């Protein structure tokens, strides 16, 4: 099974492109850097020269692609001094 790359979270990785300052306290579980996994059988079933890769987001800390967006949402909520945050979910990660 592929292993995630070690990282400091997606905000730190793309900090210069994110709405954060040097003073922003980044809230992170070190999400992101999930591997691209070759989907050889799927590729071959569609076309012999096609290469399809799937992003393995289940290796994020909570097992969900939502970790990527929620790190920024929580970081900004803390920066704005919110005391309560909620995230609606339908249970499908």
PDB file of N, CA and C in Angstrom:
ATOM      1  N   UNK A   1       0.841  -1.177   0.000  1.00  0.00           N
ATOM      2  CA  UNK A   1       0.000   0.000   0.000  1.00  0.00           C
ATOM      3  C   UNK A   1       0.890   1.245   0.000  1.00  0.00           C
ATOM      4  N   UNK A   2       0.563   2.250  -0.809  1.00  0.00           N
ATOM      5  CA  UNK A   2       1.370   3.476  -0.844  1.00  0.00           C
ATOM      6  C   UNK A   2       1.319   4.199   0.496  1.00  0.00           C
ATOM      7  N   UNK A   3       2.384   4.853   0.818  1.00  0.00           N
ATOM      8  CA  UNK A   3       2.441   5.632   2.051  1.00  0.00           C
ATOM      9  C   UNK A   3       2.417   7.118   1.699  1.00  0.00           C
ATOM     10  N   UNK A   4       1.770   7.930   2.545  1.00  0.00           N
ATOM     11  CA  UNK A   4       1.768   9.365   2.280  1.00  0.00           C
ATOM     12  C   UNK A   4       3.162   9.946   2.491  1.00  0.00           C
ATOM     13  N   UNK A   5       3.451  11.007   1.778  1.00  0.00           N
ATOM     14  CA  UNK A   5       4.725  11.694   1.949  1.00  0.00           C
ATOM     15  C   UNK A   5       4.672  12.474   3.263  1.00  0.00           C
ATOM     16  N   UNK A   6       5.790  12.598   3.932  1.00  0.00           N
ATOM     17  CA  UNK A   6       5.832  13.415   5.142  1.00  0.00           C
ATOM     18  C   UNK A   6       5.680  14.874   4.720  1.00  0.00           C
ATOM     19  N   UNK A   7       4.916  15.626   5.512  1.00  0.00           N
ATOM     20  CA  UNK A   7       4.680  17.013   5.143  1.00  0.00           C
ATOM     21  C   UNK A   7       4.287  17.815   6.360  1.00  0.00           C
ATOM     22  N   UNK A   8       4.151  19.104   6.156  1.00  0.00           N
ATOM     23  CA  UNK A   8       3.724  20.012   7.211  1.00  0.00           C
ATOM     24  C   UNK A   8       2.315  20.520   6.951  1.00  0.00           C
ATOM     25  N   UNK A   9       1.575  19.826   6.134  1.00  0.00           N
ATOM     26  CA  UNK A   9       0.218  20.252   5.823  1.00  0.00           C
ATOM     27  C   UNK A   9       0.162  21.067   4.554  1.00  0.00           C
ATOM     28  N   UNK A  10      -1.007  21.091   3.989  1.00  0.00           N
ATOM     29  CA  UNK A  10      -1.189  21.719   2.686  1.00  0.00           C
ATOM     30  C   UNK A  10      -1.053  23.242   2.732  1.00  0.00           C
ATOM     31  N   UNK A  11      -1.429  23.871   3.848  1.00  0.00           N
ATOM     32  CA  UNK A  11      -1.301  25.331   3.926  1.00  0.00           C
ATOM     33  C   UNK A  11       0.161  25.730   3.897  1.00  0.00           C
ATOM     34  N   UNK A  12       0.999  25.059   4.674  1.00  0.00           N
ATOM     35  CA  UNK A  12       2.430  25.382   4.654  1.00  0.00           C
ATOM     36  C   UNK A  12       3.024  25.142   3.270  1.00  0.00           C
ATOM     37  N   UNK A  13       2.599  24.078   2.628  1.00  0.00           N
ATOM     38  CA  UNK A  13       3.143  23.751   1.305  1.00  0.00           C
ATOM     39  C   UNK A  13       2.828  24.836   0.278  1.00  0.00           C
ATOM     40  N   UNK A  14       1.620  25.390   0.360  1.00  0.00           N
ATOM     41  CA  UNK A  14       1.188  26.397  -0.616  1.00  0.00           C
ATOM     42  C   UNK A  14       0.963  27.759   0.033  1.00  0.00           C
ATOM     43  N   UNK A  15       1.647  28.015   1.121  1.00  0.00           N
ATOM     44  CA  UNK A  15       1.439  29.233   1.916  1.00  0.00           C
ATOM     45  C   UNK A  15       1.450  30.516   1.091  1.00  0.00           C
ATOM     46  N   UNK A  16       2.345  30.633   0.134  1.00  0.00           N
ATOM     47  CA  UNK A  16       2.438  31.869  -0.652  1.00  0.00           C
ATOM     48  C   UNK A  16       1.209  32.095  -1.531  1.00  0.00           C
ATOM     49  N   UNK A  17       0.403  31.070  -1.713  1.00  0.00           N
ATOM     50  CA  UNK A  17      -0.801  31.180  -2.539  1.00  0.00           C
ATOM     51  C   UNK A  17      -2.080  31.175  -1.703  1.00  0.00           C
ATOM     52  N   UNK A  18      -1.942  31.146  -0.393  1.00  0.00           N
ATOM     53  CA  UNK A  18      -3.091  31.043   0.507  1.00  0.00           C
ATOM     54  C   UNK A  18      -3.342  32.376   1.214  1.00  0.00           C
ATOM     55  N   UNK A  19      -4.585  32.585   1.680  1.00  0.00           N
ATOM     56  CA  UNK A  19      -4.910  33.834   2.382  1.00  0.00           C
ATOM     57  C   UNK A  19      -4.477  33.803   3.850  1.00  0.00           C
ATOM     58  N   UNK A  20      -3.176  33.635   4.062  1.00  0.00           N
ATOM     59  CA  UNK A  20      -2.618  33.627   5.415  1.00  0.00           C
ATOM     60  C   UNK A  20      -1.424  34.568   5.457  1.00  0.00           C
ATOM     61  N   UNK A  21      -1.122  35.055   6.653  1.00  0.00           N
ATOM     62  CA  UNK A  21       0.046  35.921   6.827  1.00  0.00           C
ATOM     63  C   UNK A  21       1.102  35.172   7.631  1.00  0.00           C
ATOM     64  N   UNK A  22       2.229  35.816   7.833  1.00  0.00           N
ATOM     65  CA  UNK A  22       3.282  35.205   8.644  1.00  0.00           C
ATOM     66  C   UNK A  22       2.827  35.016  10.092  1.00  0.00           C
ATOM     67  N   UNK A  23       1.839  35.807  10.517  1.00  0.00           N
ATOM     68  CA  UNK A  23       1.343  35.731  11.891  1.00  0.00           C
ATOM     69  C   UNK A  23       0.216  34.714  12.068  1.00  0.00           C
ATOM     70  N   UNK A  24      -0.285  34.161  10.979  1.00  0.00           N
ATOM     71  CA  UNK A  24      -1.398  33.216  11.063  1.00  0.00           C
ATOM     72  C   UNK A  24      -0.953  31.919  11.727  1.00  0.00           C
ATOM     73  N   UNK A  25      -1.706  31.500  12.733  1.00  0.00           N
ATOM     74  CA  UNK A  25      -1.451  30.218  13.395  1.00  0.00           C
ATOM     75  C   UNK A  25      -2.133  29.132  12.568  1.00  0.00           C
ATOM     76  N   UNK A  26      -1.356  28.299  11.920  1.00  0.00           N
ATOM     77  CA  UNK A  26      -1.885  27.264  11.039  1.00  0.00           C
ATOM     78  C   UNK A  26      -2.376  26.078  11.872  1.00  0.00           C
ATOM     79  N   UNK A  27      -3.627  25.698  11.668  1.00  0.00           N
ATOM     80  CA  UNK A  27      -4.210  24.531  12.330  1.00  0.00           C
ATOM     81  C   UNK A  27      -4.175  23.391  11.319  1.00  0.00           C
ATOM     82  N   UNK A  28      -3.425  22.349  11.614  1.00  0.00           N
ATOM     83  CA  UNK A  28      -3.221  21.287  10.634  1.00  0.00           C
ATOM     84  C   UNK A  28      -3.023  19.938  11.312  1.00  0.00           C
ATOM     85  N   UNK A  29      -3.459  18.908  10.625  1.00  0.00           N
ATOM     86  CA  UNK A  29      -3.170  17.527  11.023  1.00  0.00           C
ATOM     87  C   UNK A  29      -2.173  16.911  10.043  1.00  0.00           C
ATOM     88  N   UNK A  30      -1.459  17.770   9.328  1.00  0.00           N
ATOM     89  CA  UNK A  30      -0.501  17.353   8.294  1.00  0.00           C
ATOM     90  C   UNK A  30      -1.199  16.628   7.139  1.00  0.00           C
ATOM     91  N   UNK A  31      -2.320  17.208   6.723  1.00  0.00           N
ATOM     92  CA  UNK A  31      -3.087  16.668   5.610  1.00  0.00           C
ATOM     93  C   UNK A  31      -2.382  16.953   4.286  1.00  0.00           C
ATOM     94  N   UNK A  32      -2.840  16.287   3.266  1.00  0.00           N
ATOM     95  CA  UNK A  32      -2.280  16.495   1.931  1.00  0.00           C
ATOM     96  C   UNK A  32      -1.136  15.539   1.654  1.00  0.00           C
ATOM     97  N   UNK A  33      -0.491  15.743   0.544  1.00  0.00           N
ATOM     98  CA  UNK A  33       0.615  14.896   0.085  1.00  0.00           C
ATOM     99  C   UNK A  33       0.210  13.433  -0.015  1.00  0.00           C
ATOM    100  N   UNK A  34      -1.044  13.184  -0.328  1.00  0.00           N
ATOM    101  CA  UNK A  34      -1.492  11.811  -0.550  1.00  0.00           C
ATOM    102  C   UNK A  34      -0.993  11.354  -1.917  1.00  0.00           C
ATOM    103  N   UNK A  35      -0.714  10.068  -2.064  1.00  0.00           N
ATOM    104  CA  UNK A  35      -0.096   9.599  -3.307  1.00  0.00           C
ATOM    105  C   UNK A  35      -1.076   9.476  -4.474  1.00  0.00           C
ATOM    106  N   UNK A  36      -0.511   9.557  -5.665  1.00  0.00           N
ATOM    107  CA  UNK A  36      -1.226   9.199  -6.884  1.00  0.00           C
ATOM    108  C   UNK A  36      -0.934   7.731  -7.138  1.00  0.00           C
ATOM    109  N   UNK A  37      -1.974   6.937  -7.264  1.00  0.00           N
ATOM    110  CA  UNK A  37      -1.819   5.497  -7.434  1.00  0.00           C
ATOM    111  C   UNK A  37      -2.199   5.114  -8.863  1.00  0.00           C
ATOM    112  N   UNK A  38      -1.324   4.408  -9.582  1.00  0.00           N
ATOM    113  CA  UNK A  38      -1.669   3.997 -10.945  1.00  0.00           C
ATOM    114  C   UNK A  38      -2.863   3.043 -10.945  1.00  0.00           C
ATOM    115  N   UNK A  39      -3.823   3.314 -11.810  1.00  0.00           N
ATOM    116  CA  UNK A  39      -4.999   2.446 -11.961  1.00  0.00           C
ATOM    117  C   UNK A  39      -4.820   1.669 -13.262  1.00  0.00           C
ATOM    118  N   UNK A  40      -3.916   0.706 -13.229  1.00  0.00           N
ATOM    119  CA  UNK A  40      -3.526  -0.007 -14.451  1.00  0.00           C
ATOM    120  C   UNK A  40      -4.678  -0.759 -15.109  1.00  0.00           C
ATOM    121  N   UNK A  41      -5.475  -1.466 -14.324  1.00  0.00           N
ATOM    122  CA  UNK A  41      -6.587  -2.237 -14.903  1.00  0.00           C
ATOM    123  C   UNK A  41      -7.615  -1.310 -15.538  1.00  0.00           C
ATOM    124  N   UNK A  42      -7.934  -0.223 -14.872  1.00  0.00           N
ATOM    125  CA  UNK A  42      -8.876   0.744 -15.425  1.00  0.00           C
ATOM    126  C   UNK A  42      -8.325   1.365 -16.700  1.00  0.00           C
ATOM    127  N   UNK A  43      -7.061   1.749 -16.661  1.00  0.00           N
ATOM    128  CA  UNK A  43      -6.413   2.319 -17.849  1.00  0.00           C
ATOM    129  C   UNK A  43      -6.481   1.354 -19.022  1.00  0.00           C
ATOM    130  N   UNK A  44      -6.096   0.113 -18.788  1.00  0.00           N
ATOM    131  CA  UNK A  44      -6.072  -0.896 -19.853  1.00  0.00           C
ATOM    132  C   UNK A  44      -7.468  -1.170 -20.399  1.00  0.00           C
ATOM    133  N   UNK A  45      -8.472  -1.115 -19.536  1.00  0.00           N
ATOM    134  CA  UNK A  45      -9.844  -1.370 -19.977  1.00  0.00           C
ATOM    135  C   UNK A  45     -10.361  -0.275 -20.902  1.00  0.00           C
ATOM    136  N   UNK A  46      -9.806   0.927 -20.767  1.00  0.00           N
ATOM    137  CA  UNK A  46     -10.264   2.047 -21.590  1.00  0.00           C
ATOM    138  C   UNK A  46      -9.452   2.171 -22.871  1.00  0.00           C
ATOM    139  N   UNK A  47      -8.126   2.124 -22.726  1.00  0.00           N
ATOM    140  CA  UNK A  47      -7.245   2.248 -23.900  1.00  0.00           C
ATOM    141  C   UNK A  47      -5.855   1.760 -23.502  1.00  0.00           C
ATOM    142  N   UNK A  48      -5.203   0.976 -24.352  1.00  0.00           N
ATOM    143  CA  UNK A  48      -3.901   0.396 -23.980  1.00  0.00           C
ATOM    144  C   UNK A  48      -2.796   1.420 -23.713  1.00  0.00           C
ATOM    145  N   UNK A  49      -2.900   2.609 -24.262  1.00  0.00           N
ATOM    146  CA  UNK A  49      -1.855   3.618 -24.049  1.00  0.00           C
ATOM    147  C   UNK A  49      -2.239   4.661 -23.000  1.00  0.00           C
ATOM    148  N   UNK A  50      -3.385   4.480 -22.387  1.00  0.00           N
ATOM    149  CA  UNK A  50      -3.868   5.434 -21.396  1.00  0.00           C
ATOM    150  C   UNK A  50      -3.264   5.133 -20.024  1.00  0.00           C
ATOM    151  N   UNK A  51      -2.869   6.184 -19.309  1.00  0.00           N
ATOM    152  CA  UNK A  51      -2.376   6.041 -17.936  1.00  0.00           C
ATOM    153  C   UNK A  51      -3.272   6.848 -17.015  1.00  0.00           C
ATOM    154  N   UNK A  52      -4.035   6.165 -16.193  1.00  0.00           N
ATOM    155  CA  UNK A  52      -4.899   6.822 -15.215  1.00  0.00           C
ATOM    156  C   UNK A  52      -4.287   6.627 -13.835  1.00  0.00           C
ATOM    157  N   UNK A  53      -4.258   7.714 -13.066  1.00  0.00           N
ATOM    158  CA  UNK A  53      -3.809   7.656 -11.680  1.00  0.00           C
ATOM    159  C   UNK A  53      -4.945   8.176 -10.808  1.00  0.00           C
ATOM    160  N   UNK A  54      -5.103   7.591  -9.643  1.00  0.00           N
ATOM    161  CA  UNK A  54      -6.133   8.000  -8.696  1.00  0.00           C
ATOM    162  C   UNK A  54      -5.474   8.585  -7.454  1.00  0.00           C
ATOM    163  N   UNK A  55      -6.020   9.676  -6.958  1.00  0.00           N
ATOM    164  CA  UNK A  55      -5.501  10.309  -5.748  1.00  0.00           C
ATOM    165  C   UNK A  55      -6.045   9.552  -4.540  1.00  0.00           C
ATOM    166  N   UNK A  56      -5.179   9.057  -3.698  1.00  0.00           N
ATOM    167  CA  UNK A  56      -5.563   8.225  -2.554  1.00  0.00           C
ATOM    168  C   UNK A  56      -5.810   9.110  -1.328  1.00  0.00           C
ATOM    169  N   UNK A  57      -6.938   9.795  -1.321  1.00  0.00           N
ATOM    170  CA  UNK A  57      -7.250  10.741  -0.257  1.00  0.00           C
ATOM    171  C   UNK A  57      -7.586  10.060   1.064  1.00  0.00           C
ATOM    172  N   UNK A  58      -7.827   8.767   1.046  1.00  0.00           N
ATOM    173  CA  UNK A  58      -8.092   8.036   2.278  1.00  0.00           C
ATOM    174  C   UNK A  58      -6.907   8.015   3.227  1.00  0.00           C
ATOM    175  N   UNK A  59      -5.742   8.425   2.755  1.00  0.00           N
ATOM    176  CA  UNK A  59      -4.563   8.482   3.628  1.00  0.00           C
ATOM    177  C   UNK A  59      -4.429   9.823   4.350  1.00  0.00           C
ATOM    178  N   UNK A  60      -5.399  10.722   4.154  1.00  0.00           N
ATOM    179  CA  UNK A  60      -5.420  11.947   4.951  1.00  0.00           C
ATOM    180  C   UNK A  60      -5.714  11.573   6.402  1.00  0.00           C
ATOM    181  N   UNK A  61      -5.415  12.445   7.360  1.00  0.00           N
ATOM    182  CA  UNK A  61      -5.564  12.097   8.779  1.00  0.00           C
ATOM    183  C   UNK A  61      -6.936  11.559   9.186  1.00  0.00           C
ATOM    184  N   UNK A  62      -8.019  12.094   8.625  1.00  0.00           N
ATOM    185  CA  UNK A  62      -9.345  11.587   8.987  1.00  0.00           C
ATOM    186  C   UNK A  62      -9.902  10.661   7.914  1.00  0.00           C
ATOM    187  N   UNK A  63      -9.100  10.339   6.916  1.00  0.00           N
ATOM    188  CA  UNK A  63      -9.531   9.442   5.855  1.00  0.00           C
ATOM    189  C   UNK A  63     -10.404  10.099   4.810  1.00  0.00           C
ATOM    190  N   UNK A  64     -10.393  11.416   4.750  1.00  0.00           N
ATOM    191  CA  UNK A  64     -11.292  12.130   3.853  1.00  0.00           C
ATOM    192  C   UNK A  64     -10.577  13.223   3.066  1.00  0.00           C
ATOM    193  N   UNK A  65     -11.053  13.464   1.846  1.00  0.00           N
ATOM    194  CA  UNK A  65     -10.546  14.580   1.048  1.00  0.00           C
ATOM    195  C   UNK A  65     -10.897  15.911   1.711  1.00  0.00           C
ATOM    196  N   UNK A  66     -11.892  15.922   2.594  1.00  0.00           N
ATOM    197  CA  UNK A  66     -12.334  17.158   3.238  1.00  0.00           C
ATOM    198  C   UNK A  66     -11.259  17.753   4.140  1.00  0.00           C
ATOM    199  N   UNK A  67     -10.288  16.963   4.544  1.00  0.00           N
ATOM    200  CA  UNK A  67      -9.195  17.478   5.382  1.00  0.00           C
ATOM    201  C   UNK A  67      -8.500  18.651   4.711  1.00  0.00           C
ATOM    202  N   UNK A  68      -8.370  18.604   3.400  1.00  0.00           N
ATOM    203  CA  UNK A  68      -7.667  19.662   2.671  1.00  0.00           C
ATOM    204  C   UNK A  68      -8.344  21.017   2.844  1.00  0.00           C
ATOM    205  N   UNK A  69      -9.646  21.057   2.706  1.00  0.00           N
ATOM    206  CA  UNK A  69     -10.368  22.322   2.849  1.00  0.00           C
ATOM    207  C   UNK A  69     -10.579  22.736   4.291  1.00  0.00           C
ATOM    208  N   UNK A  70     -10.798  21.764   5.151  1.00  0.00           N
ATOM    209  CA  UNK A  70     -11.098  22.090   6.545  1.00  0.00           C
ATOM    210  C   UNK A  70      -9.907  22.670   7.284  1.00  0.00           C
ATOM    211  N   UNK A  71      -8.696  22.333   6.882  1.00  0.00           N
ATOM    212  CA  UNK A  71      -7.538  22.932   7.555  1.00  0.00           C
ATOM    213  C   UNK A  71      -7.544  24.450   7.378  1.00  0.00           C
ATOM    214  N   UNK A  72      -7.912  24.924   6.185  1.00  0.00           N
ATOM    215  CA  UNK A  72      -7.993  26.370   5.959  1.00  0.00           C
ATOM    216  C   UNK A  72      -9.193  26.955   6.693  1.00  0.00           C
ATOM    217  N   UNK A  73     -10.329  26.268   6.655  1.00  0.00           N
ATOM    218  CA  UNK A  73     -11.526  26.776   7.329  1.00  0.00           C
ATOM    219  C   UNK A  73     -11.283  26.948   8.827  1.00  0.00           C
ATOM    220  N   UNK A  74     -10.668  25.969   9.452  1.00  0.00           N
ATOM    221  CA  UNK A  74     -10.414  26.043  10.895  1.00  0.00           C
ATOM    222  C   UNK A  74      -9.327  27.072  11.204  1.00  0.00           C
ATOM    223  N   UNK A  75      -8.297  27.121  10.376  1.00  0.00           N
ATOM    224  CA  UNK A  75      -7.242  28.130  10.551  1.00  0.00           C
ATOM    225  C   UNK A  75      -7.832  29.532  10.527  1.00  0.00           C
ATOM    226  N   UNK A  76      -8.701  29.807   9.558  1.00  0.00           N
ATOM    227  CA  UNK A  76      -9.305  31.136   9.446  1.00  0.00           C
ATOM    228  C   UNK A  76     -10.295  31.386  10.586  1.00  0.00           C
ATOM    229  N   UNK A  77     -11.011  30.365  11.025  1.00  0.00           N
ATOM    230  CA  UNK A  77     -11.940  30.526  12.147  1.00  0.00           C
ATOM    231  C   UNK A  77     -11.180  30.907  13.416  1.00  0.00           C
ATOM    232  N   UNK A  78     -10.054  30.254  13.659  1.00  0.00           N
ATOM    233  CA  UNK A  78      -9.222  30.582  14.825  1.00  0.00           C
ATOM    234  C   UNK A  78      -8.677  32.002  14.687  1.00  0.00           C
ATOM    235  N   UNK A  79      -8.218  32.348  13.500  1.00  0.00           N
ATOM    236  CA  UNK A  79      -7.678  33.690  13.256  1.00  0.00           C
ATOM    237  C   UNK A  79      -8.732  34.770  13.527  1.00  0.00           C
ATOM    238  N   UNK A  80      -9.984  34.471  13.198  1.00  0.00           N
ATOM    239  CA  UNK A  80     -11.083  35.421  13.402  1.00  0.00           C
ATOM    240  C   UNK A  80     -11.695  35.318  14.802  1.00  0.00           C
ATOM    241  N   UNK A  81     -11.100  34.476  15.644  1.00  0.00           N
ATOM    242  CA  UNK A  81     -11.507  34.315  17.047  1.00  0.00           C
ATOM    243  C   UNK A  81     -12.881  33.654  17.217  1.00  0.00           C
ATOM    244  N   UNK A  82     -13.280  32.822  16.268  1.00  0.00           N
ATOM    245  CA  UNK A  82     -14.512  32.047  16.442  1.00  0.00           C
ATOM    246  C   UNK A  82     -14.293  31.040  17.565  1.00  0.00           C
ATOM    247  N   UNK A  83     -15.322  30.795  18.340  1.00  0.00           N
ATOM    248  CA  UNK A  83     -15.229  29.834  19.433  1.00  0.00           C
ATOM    249  C   UNK A  83     -15.853  28.490  19.086  1.00  0.00           C
ATOM    250  N   UNK A  84     -16.709  28.462  18.082  1.00  0.00           N
ATOM    251  CA  UNK A  84     -17.398  27.238  17.678  1.00  0.00           C
ATOM    252  C   UNK A  84     -17.376  27.141  16.157  1.00  0.00           C
ATOM    253  N   UNK A  85     -17.117  25.949  15.657  1.00  0.00           N
ATOM    254  CA  UNK A  85     -17.208  25.693  14.217  1.00  0.00           C
ATOM    255  C   UNK A  85     -17.953  24.375  14.020  1.00  0.00           C
ATOM    256  N   UNK A  86     -18.619  24.253  12.882  1.00  0.00           N
ATOM    257  CA  UNK A  86     -19.312  23.008  12.549  1.00  0.00           C
ATOM    258  C   UNK A  86     -19.039  22.692  11.088  1.00  0.00           C
ATOM    259  N   UNK A  87     -19.062  21.423  10.774  1.00  0.00           N
ATOM    260  CA  UNK A  87     -18.903  20.980   9.391  1.00  0.00           C
ATOM    261  C   UNK A  87     -20.015  19.989   9.090  1.00  0.00           C
ATOM    262  N   UNK A  88     -20.881  20.351   8.161  1.00  0.00           N
ATOM    263  CA  UNK A  88     -21.951  19.435   7.763  1.00  0.00           C
ATOM    264  C   UNK A  88     -21.360  18.315   6.923  1.00  0.00           C
ATOM    265  N   UNK A  89     -21.870  17.121   7.115  1.00  0.00           N
ATOM    266  CA  UNK A  89     -21.407  15.988   6.327  1.00  0.00           C
ATOM    267  C   UNK A  89     -22.559  15.026   6.102  1.00  0.00           C
ATOM    268  N   UNK A  90     -22.584  14.435   4.933  1.00  0.00           N
ATOM    269  CA  UNK A  90     -23.603  13.434   4.640  1.00  0.00           C
ATOM    270  C   UNK A  90     -23.087  12.038   4.944  1.00  0.00           C
ATOM    271  N   UNK A  91     -21.880  11.956   5.475  1.00  0.00           N
ATOM    272  CA  UNK A  91     -21.328  10.671   5.869  1.00  0.00           C
ATOM    273  C   UNK A  91     -20.629   9.916   4.762  1.00  0.00           C
ATOM    274  N   UNK A  92     -20.442  10.559   3.631  1.00  0.00           N
ATOM    275  CA  UNK A  92     -19.787   9.882   2.508  1.00  0.00           C
ATOM    276  C   UNK A  92     -18.345  10.342   2.335  1.00  0.00           C
ATOM    277  N   UNK A  93     -17.715  10.715   3.400  1.00  0.00           N
ATOM    278  CA  UNK A  93     -16.381  11.307   3.451  1.00  0.00           C
ATOM    279  C   UNK A  93     -16.388  12.566   2.649  1.00  0.00           C
TER     280      UNK A  93
END
